[in-house]
C-alpha atoms as a PDB file:
ATOM      1  CA  MET A   1     -40.695  21.573  20.657  1.00  0.00           C
ATOM      2  CA  ASN A   2     -38.314  20.315  18.721  1.00  0.00           C
ATOM      3  CA  ALA A   3     -37.538  19.289  15.525  1.00  0.00           C
ATOM      4  CA  ALA A   4     -38.896  15.215  15.413  1.00  0.00           C
ATOM      5  CA  ASP A   5     -42.116  17.038  16.925  1.00  0.00           C
ATOM      6  CA  HIS A   6     -42.971  18.480  12.881  1.00  0.00           C
ATOM      7  CA  ARG A   7     -41.808  15.003  11.582  1.00  0.00           C
ATOM      8  CA  HIS A   8     -44.546  12.535  13.383  1.00  0.00           C
ATOM      9  CA  GLY A   9     -47.481  11.824  13.749  1.00  0.00           C
ATOM     10  CA  ALA A  10     -49.069  11.329  17.047  1.00  0.00           C
ATOM     11  CA  LEU A  11     -50.922   7.715  17.680  1.00  0.00           C
ATOM     12  CA  SER A  12     -53.701   9.079  19.241  1.00  0.00           C
ATOM     13  CA  ASP A  13     -54.461  10.345  15.665  1.00  0.00           C
ATOM     14  CA  PHE A  14     -53.772   7.198  14.124  1.00  0.00           C
ATOM     15  CA  LEU A  15     -55.920   4.654  16.063  1.00  0.00           C
ATOM     16  CA  ALA A  16     -58.764   7.266  15.565  1.00  0.00           C
ATOM     17  CA  LEU A  17     -59.119   8.123  11.713  1.00  0.00           C
ATOM     18  CA  THR A  18     -58.005   3.638  11.673  1.00  0.00           C
ATOM     19  CA  ASP A  19     -60.812   2.919  13.571  1.00  0.00           C
ATOM     20  CA  GLY A  20     -62.631   0.085  12.503  1.00  0.00           C
ATOM     21  CA  LEU A  21     -60.237  -0.676   9.989  1.00  0.00           C
ATOM     22  CA  SER A  22     -58.917  -3.835   9.465  1.00  0.00           C
ATOM     23  CA  ILE A  23     -54.920  -3.652   9.123  1.00  0.00           C
ATOM     24  CA  ALA A  24     -54.571  -4.985   4.983  1.00  0.00           C
ATOM     25  CA  ARG A  25     -57.782  -2.322   4.329  1.00  0.00           C
ATOM     26  CA  ILE A  26     -54.990   0.829   6.381  1.00  0.00           C
ATOM     27  CA  ALA A  27     -51.997  -1.480   5.192  1.00  0.00           C
ATOM     28  CA  GLN A  28     -53.982  -0.654   1.247  1.00  0.00           C
ATOM     29  CA  SER A  29     -55.242   3.233   1.847  1.00  0.00           C
ATOM     30  CA  LEU A  30     -51.835   3.958   2.968  1.00  0.00           C
ATOM     31  CA  ARG A  31     -50.257   1.901   0.162  1.00  0.00           C
ATOM     32  CA  CYS A  32     -47.758   0.646   2.612  1.00  0.00           C
ATOM     33  CA  CYS A  33     -47.629  -2.811   3.786  1.00  0.00           C
ATOM     34  CA  THR A  34     -49.128  -5.092   7.044  1.00  0.00           C
ATOM     35  CA  ARG A  35     -45.923  -4.641   9.538  1.00  0.00           C
ATOM     36  CA  THR A  36     -45.592  -1.507   9.007  1.00  0.00           C
ATOM     37  CA  VAL A  37     -49.043  -0.879  10.158  1.00  0.00           C
ATOM     38  CA  ARG A  38     -48.595  -3.854  13.272  1.00  0.00           C
ATOM     39  CA  ASN A  39     -45.420  -1.537  13.729  1.00  0.00           C
ATOM     40  CA  TYR A  40     -47.411   2.138  14.303  1.00  0.00           C
ATOM     41  CA  VAL A  41     -50.261   0.335  16.240  1.00  0.00           C
ATOM     42  CA  ALA A  42     -47.905  -1.045  18.459  1.00  0.00           C
ATOM     43  CA  GLY A  43     -45.977   1.927  19.212  1.00  0.00           C
ATOM     44  CA  ARG A  44     -42.727   0.525  17.557  1.00  0.00           C
ATOM     45  CA  SER A  45     -42.497   2.809  14.710  1.00  0.00           C
ATOM     46  CA  PRO A  46     -43.112   6.187  14.725  1.00  0.00           C
ATOM     47  CA  ILE A  47     -46.010   7.240  12.345  1.00  0.00           C
ATOM     48  CA  LEU A  48     -45.163   9.908   9.833  1.00  0.00           C
ATOM     49  CA  TRP A  49     -46.694  13.208   9.305  1.00  0.00           C
ATOM     50  CA  HIS A  50     -47.701  12.348   6.270  1.00  0.00           C
ATOM     51  CA  ARG A  51     -49.473   9.319   6.731  1.00  0.00           C
ATOM     52  CA  ILE A  52     -51.992  10.720   8.820  1.00  0.00           C
ATOM     53  CA  GLU A  53     -52.184  13.292   6.693  1.00  0.00           C
ATOM     54  CA  LEU A  54     -53.645  10.799   4.086  1.00  0.00           C
ATOM     55  CA  LEU A  55     -55.690   9.714   6.471  1.00  0.00           C
ATOM     56  CA  ARG A  56     -56.936  12.579   7.314  1.00  0.00           C
ATOM     57  CA  LEU A  57     -57.993  13.599   3.138  1.00  0.00           C
ATOM     58  CA  LEU A  58     -59.287   9.917   2.605  1.00  0.00           C
ATOM     59  CA  ALA A  59     -61.757  10.573   5.763  1.00  0.00           C
ATOM     60  CA  ARG A  60     -63.178  13.684   4.686  1.00  0.00           C
ATOM     61  CA  GLU A  61     -63.173  12.245   0.990  1.00  0.00           C
ATOM     62  CA  THR A  62     -65.531   9.312   2.394  1.00  0.00           C
ATOM     63  CA  ASP A  63     -67.941  11.808   4.218  1.00  0.00           C
ATOM     64  CA  ALA A  64     -68.774  13.944   1.490  1.00  0.00           C
ATOM     65  CA  PRO A  65     -70.570  11.478  -0.937  1.00  0.00           C
ATOM     66  CA  ALA A  66     -72.219  10.450   2.625  1.00  0.00           C
ATOM     67  CA  ALA A  67     -73.505  13.500   2.338  1.00  0.00           C
ATOM     68  CA  SER A  68     -73.789  14.079  -0.725  1.00  0.00           C
ATOM     69  CA  ALA A  69     -76.050  10.724  -1.282  1.00  0.00           C
ATOM     70  CA  GLY A  70     -77.934  11.604   1.833  1.00  0.00           C
ATOM     71  CA  ALA A  71     -78.989  14.844   0.441  1.00  0.00           C
ATOM     72  CA  ALA A  72     -79.945  13.156  -3.082  1.00  0.00           C
ATOM     73  CA  SER A  73     -81.157  10.183  -1.479  1.00  0.00           C
ATOM     74  CA  THR A  74     -84.207  11.644  -2.038  1.00  0.00           C
ATOM     75  CA  THR A  75     -85.452  12.534  -5.430  1.00  0.00           C
ATOM     76  CA  GLU A  76     -82.855   9.306  -6.700  1.00  0.00           C
ATOM     77  CA  GLN A  77     -83.777   5.409  -6.393  1.00  0.00           C
ATOM     78  CA  PRO A  78     -82.520   2.867  -7.229  1.00  0.00           C
ATOM     79  CA  THR A  79     -83.645   0.957 -10.790  1.00  0.00           C
ATOM     80  CA  VAL A  80     -83.546  -2.126  -9.164  1.00  0.00           C
ATOM     81  CA  VAL A  81     -84.817  -3.677  -6.347  1.00  0.00           C
ATOM     82  CA  ALA A  82     -84.937  -6.464  -4.578  1.00  0.00           C
ATOM     83  CA  ASN A  83     -86.976  -9.496  -5.194  1.00  0.00           C
ATOM     84  CA  ILE A  84     -87.843 -10.740  -1.879  1.00  0.00           C
ATOM     85  CA  GLU A  85     -90.232 -10.936   0.890  1.00  0.00           C
ATOM     86  CA  LEU A  86     -89.716  -8.839   4.288  1.00  0.00           C
ATOM     87  CA  ASP A  87     -87.751 -11.452   7.046  1.00  0.00           C
ATOM     88  CA  PRO A  88     -90.154 -10.933   9.770  1.00  0.00           C
ATOM     89  CA  ALA A  89     -87.325 -11.944  12.161  1.00  0.00           C
ATOM     90  CA  SER A  90     -85.489  -8.843  10.830  1.00  0.00           C
ATOM     91  CA  PRO A  91     -88.160  -5.535   9.957  1.00  0.00           C
ATOM     92  CA  ASP A  92     -85.939  -3.680  10.858  1.00  0.00           C
ATOM     93  CA  VAL A  93     -83.445  -4.243   8.222  1.00  0.00           C
ATOM     94  CA  LEU A  94     -85.542  -3.772   4.131  1.00  0.00           C
ATOM     95  CA  PRO A  95     -85.041  -6.271   1.290  1.00  0.00           C
ATOM     96  CA  ASP A  96     -84.262  -2.782  -0.649  1.00  0.00           C
ATOM     97  CA  GLU A  97     -81.201  -2.998   1.828  1.00  0.00           C
ATOM     98  CA  MET A  98     -80.225  -6.467   1.409  1.00  0.00           C
ATOM     99  CA  LEU A  99     -80.337  -6.292  -1.678  1.00  0.00           C
ATOM    100  CA  ALA A 100     -77.835  -3.398  -1.471  1.00  0.00           C
ATOM    101  CA  TRP A 101     -75.572  -4.808   0.526  1.00  0.00           C
ATOM    102  CA  VAL A 102     -74.660  -7.893  -1.461  1.00  0.00           C
ATOM    103  CA  GLY A 103     -74.800  -5.534  -4.807  1.00  0.00           C
ATOM    104  CA  VAL A 104     -71.861  -3.467  -3.143  1.00  0.00           C
ATOM    105  CA  HIS A 105     -69.758  -6.850  -1.553  1.00  0.00           C
ATOM    106  CA  ALA A 106     -70.854  -9.534  -3.762  1.00  0.00           C
ATOM    107  CA  SER A 107     -72.875  -8.151  -7.131  1.00  0.00           C
ATOM    108  CA  HIS A 108     -71.938 -12.176  -8.019  1.00  0.00           C
ATOM    109  CA  PHE A 109     -75.289 -13.354  -5.919  1.00  0.00           C
ATOM    110  CA  LEU A 110     -77.089 -10.668  -7.502  1.00  0.00           C
ATOM    111  CA  SER A 111     -78.208 -13.354 -10.980  1.00  0.00           C
ATOM    112  CA  CYS A 112     -80.321 -16.145  -8.957  1.00  0.00           C
ATOM    113  CA  GLN A 113     -82.704 -15.520  -6.388  1.00  0.00           C
ATOM    114  CA  ARG A 114     -81.910 -18.034  -4.454  1.00  0.00           C
ATOM    115  CA  SER A 115     -77.984 -18.009  -4.023  1.00  0.00           C
ATOM    116  CA  PHE A 116     -79.056 -14.519  -2.483  1.00  0.00           C
ATOM    117  CA  THR A 117     -80.747 -15.873  -0.136  1.00  0.00           C
ATOM    118  CA  HIS A 118     -77.729 -18.378   1.243  1.00  0.00           C
ATOM    119  CA  TYR A 119     -75.453 -15.086   0.605  1.00  0.00           C
ATOM    120  CA  VAL A 120     -77.731 -13.326   3.523  1.00  0.00           C
ATOM    121  CA  ARG A 121     -77.973 -15.911   5.720  1.00  0.00           C
ATOM    122  CA  GLY A 122     -74.814 -17.835   5.546  1.00  0.00           C
ATOM    123  CA  TRP A 123     -72.018 -14.236   6.026  1.00  0.00           C
ATOM    124  CA  ASN A 124     -75.169 -13.030   8.211  1.00  0.00           C
ATOM    125  CA  VAL A 125     -75.528  -9.969   6.194  1.00  0.00           C
ATOM    126  CA  VAL A 126     -78.475  -8.660   8.407  1.00  0.00           C
ATOM    127  CA  ASP A 127     -76.705  -8.023  11.285  1.00  0.00           C
ATOM    128  CA  LYS A 128     -73.347  -7.209   9.213  1.00  0.00           C
ATOM    129  CA  ILE A 129     -76.236  -3.669   7.902  1.00  0.00           C
ATOM    130  CA  ARG A 130     -77.545  -3.295  11.603  1.00  0.00           C
ATOM    131  CA  ARG A 131     -74.237  -2.801  12.874  1.00  0.00           C
ATOM    132  CA  ALA A 132     -73.063  -0.571   9.696  1.00  0.00           C
ATOM    133  CA  LYS A 133     -76.153   1.230  10.869  1.00  0.00           C
ATOM    134  CA  ARG A 134     -75.632   1.524  14.609  1.00  0.00           C
ATOM    135  CA  GLU A 135     -71.850   2.731  12.809  1.00  0.00           C
ATOM    136  CA  GLY A 136     -72.752   5.040  10.206  1.00  0.00           C
ATOM    137  CA  THR A 137     -71.243   3.366   7.368  1.00  0.00           C
ATOM    138  CA  PHE A 138     -74.641   2.515   5.799  1.00  0.00           C
ATOM    139  CA  ALA A 139     -75.461   5.535   3.987  1.00  0.00           C
ATOM    140  CA  ALA A 140     -71.613   4.912   2.251  1.00  0.00           C
ATOM    141  CA  VAL A 141     -72.688   1.156   1.283  1.00  0.00           C
ATOM    142  CA  LEU A 142     -76.400   2.752   0.129  1.00  0.00           C
ATOM    143  CA  ALA A 143     -74.453   5.358  -2.016  1.00  0.00           C
ATOM    144  CA  GLN A 144     -71.706   2.947  -3.547  1.00  0.00           C
ATOM    145  CA  TRP A 145     -75.206   1.178  -4.262  1.00  0.00           C
ATOM    146  CA  ARG A 146     -76.499   4.337  -6.060  1.00  0.00           C
ATOM    147  CA  VAL A 147     -73.288   4.194  -8.836  1.00  0.00           C
ATOM    148  CA  LEU A 148     -73.295   0.025  -9.425  1.00  0.00           C
ATOM    149  CA  ALA A 149     -77.154   0.113  -9.137  1.00  0.00           C
ATOM    150  CA  LEU A 150     -77.207   1.601 -12.894  1.00  0.00           C
ATOM    151  CA  GLU A 151     -73.931  -0.636 -14.185  1.00  0.00           C
ATOM    152  CA  LEU A 152     -75.083  -3.557 -12.919  1.00  0.00           C
ATOM    153  CA  PRO A 153     -77.778  -5.341 -14.285  1.00  0.00           C
ATOM    154  CA  ARG A 154     -77.178  -4.278 -17.494  1.00  0.00           C
ATOM    155  CA  MET A 155     -74.290  -7.211 -17.364  1.00  0.00           C
ATOM    156  CA  TRP A 156     -76.473  -9.000 -14.902  1.00  0.00           C
ATOM    157  CA  ARG A 157     -78.216 -12.600 -16.509  1.00  0.00           C
ATOM    158  CA  SER A 158     -77.562 -11.682 -19.782  1.00  0.00           C
ATOM    159  CA  GLY A 159     -75.912 -15.030 -22.566  1.00  0.00           C
ATOM    160  CA  PRO A 160     -77.793 -18.713 -23.010  1.00  0.00           C
ATOM    161  CA  LEU A 161     -76.001 -19.747 -19.420  1.00  0.00           C
ATOM    162  CA  TRP A 162     -78.722 -17.918 -17.133  1.00  0.00           C
ATOM    163  CA  THR A 163     -81.778 -20.120 -18.631  1.00  0.00           C
ATOM    164  CA  GLY A 164     -83.595 -21.575 -16.341  1.00  0.00           C
ATOM    165  CA  VAL A 165     -81.395 -20.495 -13.539  1.00  0.00           C
ATOM    166  CA  GLY A 166     -84.737 -19.364 -11.516  1.00  0.00           C
ATOM    167  CA  PRO A 167     -85.721 -15.363 -10.915  1.00  0.00           C
ATOM    168  CA  PRO A 168     -83.287 -13.313 -10.212  1.00  0.00           C
ATOM    169  CA  ALA A 169     -82.809 -11.440  -6.719  1.00  0.00           C
ATOM    170  CA  TYR A 170     -83.846  -7.889  -7.872  1.00  0.00           C
ATOM    171  CA  HIS A 171     -86.483  -6.630 -10.581  1.00  0.00           C
ATOM    172  CA  ARG A 172     -86.584  -3.300 -12.890  1.00  0.00           C
ATOM    173  CA  ARG A 173     -88.819  -1.106 -10.823  1.00  0.00           C
ATOM    174  CA  GLU A 174     -91.460   0.972 -12.994  1.00  0.00           C
ATOM    175  CA  SER A 175     -91.017   4.119 -13.154  1.00  0.00           C
ATOM    176  CA  LYS A 176     -93.710   6.215 -11.822  1.00  0.00           C
ATOM    177  CA  MET A 177     -94.874   9.039 -14.574  1.00  0.00           C
END
């Protein structure tokens, strides 16, 4: 083994750690430009070992909250509930799951029930949730939603701008005591 083997990582490790991420997201995580990432993937540039180690650390950090969220999901419930009905065409995706997805990815569409339903239909949220469930990444979305669901309702629909807009895409959960 020569010294060059210790300075560079394997392309297979890099691809395994970045599977499913966009070039832009990888570049943002590694704090480098997209051209560098494209060169890594194409094999034009050697991958520095610290970049692969950084990806390993980031993967470990994202897996830890997902694992702890799975354990905490039985005790914690978000304070808001979706204000839409279950779609008969997609009984496997619950309204609360759609609310969580939109709340994490585009929370400004939660201000009005109409804009929420347009976003869900227009951006194929049901298909995205199904894919995230298959890939095992939906637990991270739910974990992030549990954090956001505590803060966002305080900011939503306040002020005269929202008078006469219609019902919001959510309502507060009544506590059972």
